[in-house]
Protein backbone atom coordinates (compact mmCIF):
# COMPACT_ATOMS: atom_id res chain seq x y z
CA UNK A 1 -81.65 119.14 -47.22
CA UNK A 2 -78.12 118.82 -45.92
CA UNK A 3 -75.43 121.29 -46.76
CA UNK A 4 -71.83 120.38 -46.06
CA UNK A 5 -68.43 121.98 -46.49
CA UNK A 6 -66.11 119.28 -47.79
CA UNK A 7 -63.02 121.36 -48.25
CA UNK A 8 -61.26 122.06 -51.51
CA UNK A 9 -59.57 118.65 -51.89
CA UNK A 10 -62.76 116.62 -51.41
CA UNK A 11 -64.81 119.06 -53.50
CA UNK A 12 -62.33 118.62 -56.35
CA UNK A 13 -62.44 114.85 -56.00
CA UNK A 14 -66.23 114.78 -56.04
CA UNK A 15 -66.26 116.99 -59.12
CA UNK A 16 -63.68 114.73 -60.80
CA UNK A 17 -65.93 111.69 -60.19
CA UNK A 18 -68.90 113.50 -61.72
CA UNK A 19 -66.87 114.85 -64.66
CA UNK A 20 -65.55 111.36 -65.42
CA UNK A 21 -69.11 110.04 -65.69
CA UNK A 22 -68.65 107.60 -62.81
CA UNK A 23 -71.47 109.39 -60.98
CA UNK A 24 -74.30 111.47 -62.40
CA UNK A 25 -74.19 114.20 -59.78
CA UNK A 26 -72.45 115.38 -56.63
CA UNK A 27 -75.45 114.15 -54.67
CA UNK A 28 -74.92 110.62 -56.00
CA UNK A 29 -71.31 110.70 -54.82
CA UNK A 30 -72.31 111.89 -51.36
CA UNK A 31 -75.14 109.35 -51.05
CA UNK A 32 -72.70 106.57 -51.93
CA UNK A 33 -70.25 107.89 -49.36
CA UNK A 34 -72.89 107.94 -46.64
CA UNK A 35 -73.96 104.39 -47.56
CA UNK A 36 -70.35 103.24 -47.19
CA UNK A 37 -70.07 104.91 -43.79
CA UNK A 38 -73.35 103.26 -42.79
CA UNK A 39 -72.04 99.84 -43.85
CA UNK A 40 -68.79 100.38 -41.96
CA UNK A 41 -70.65 101.44 -38.81
CA UNK A 42 -72.87 98.34 -39.07
CA UNK A 43 -69.80 96.10 -39.35
CA UNK A 44 -68.13 97.87 -36.42
CA UNK A 45 -71.24 97.40 -34.28
CA UNK A 46 -71.24 93.67 -35.10
CA UNK A 47 -67.55 93.46 -34.24
CA UNK A 48 -68.14 95.26 -30.93
CA UNK A 49 -70.94 92.80 -30.12
CA UNK A 50 -68.64 89.85 -30.90
CA UNK A 51 -65.94 91.28 -28.67
CA UNK A 52 -68.43 91.77 -25.85
CA UNK A 53 -69.60 88.15 -26.21
CA UNK A 54 -65.98 87.02 -26.03
CA UNK A 55 -65.33 89.11 -22.94
CA UNK A 56 -68.48 87.73 -21.31
CA UNK A 57 -67.36 84.17 -22.14
CA UNK A 58 -63.94 84.85 -20.63
CA UNK A 59 -65.49 86.40 -17.52
CA UNK A 60 -67.73 83.32 -17.13
CA UNK A 61 -64.78 80.94 -17.51
CA UNK A 62 -65.92 79.60 -20.89
CA UNK A 63 -62.40 79.53 -22.31
CA UNK A 64 -59.65 77.05 -23.12
CA UNK A 65 -55.92 77.43 -22.64
CA UNK A 66 -54.24 78.52 -25.87
CA UNK A 67 -51.73 75.66 -25.73
CA UNK A 68 -54.58 73.13 -25.53
CA UNK A 69 -56.26 74.68 -28.56
CA UNK A 70 -53.00 74.77 -30.52
CA UNK A 71 -52.21 71.15 -29.64
CA UNK A 72 -55.65 70.08 -30.86
CA UNK A 73 -55.09 71.94 -34.12
CA UNK A 74 -51.64 70.39 -34.55
CA UNK A 75 -53.11 66.92 -34.10
CA UNK A 76 -55.97 67.62 -36.49
CA UNK A 77 -53.74 68.94 -39.26
CA UNK A 78 -51.07 66.30 -38.71
CA UNK A 79 -53.77 63.65 -39.28
CA UNK A 80 -54.56 65.31 -42.61
CA UNK A 81 -51.01 64.90 -43.90
CA UNK A 82 -50.27 61.97 -46.19
CA UNK A 83 -48.54 59.08 -44.46
CA UNK A 84 -44.86 59.40 -45.38
CA UNK A 85 -43.59 56.40 -43.36
CA UNK A 86 -42.78 53.98 -46.17
């Protein structure tokens, strides 16, 4: 069993959620909070892994100059525009 001091403001908020019927108990509120933290930490770990892959690609020279990428995008999207030369 975990016991935690949340402080007056959070305690009041948890109680308000229970009193409103949104949650059945304080434990439900806290479990939901921990699940949200767990989800956030999972997403942050995935983001960190993506950043590390990007850094590794850059270190290995697997990159393209930004201007080359932007020029390719300009050409691609320009080709999608309707032909206005009438």
